[in-house]
Amino acid sequence: MRFFLDTADLSYIKKVFDSGKIKPENLLGITTNPSAFNKIGKTTLKEWKDTTQVLAKVCVDYAHGG
């Protein structure tokens, strides 16, 4: 099964991958919106941009072994 994560919470995403229950290659992407960023305390466009880049890097790194 392939899926999207609906969160901008980096620590949660890392826990999901580290648990071994979900394989990174099954991740199609991450959906984020203002509410998801607000939940992690990111409220400005700059914070959203910076966080999005980190989220993308983490997903790519996990997909390539870690």
Foldseek 3Di string as FASTA:
>chain_A
DAEEAAALDPVVVVCVLVVVPDQLVSYPYYDYDQVRCVVVPHHDPVSVVVSVVVVVVVSVVRNVPD
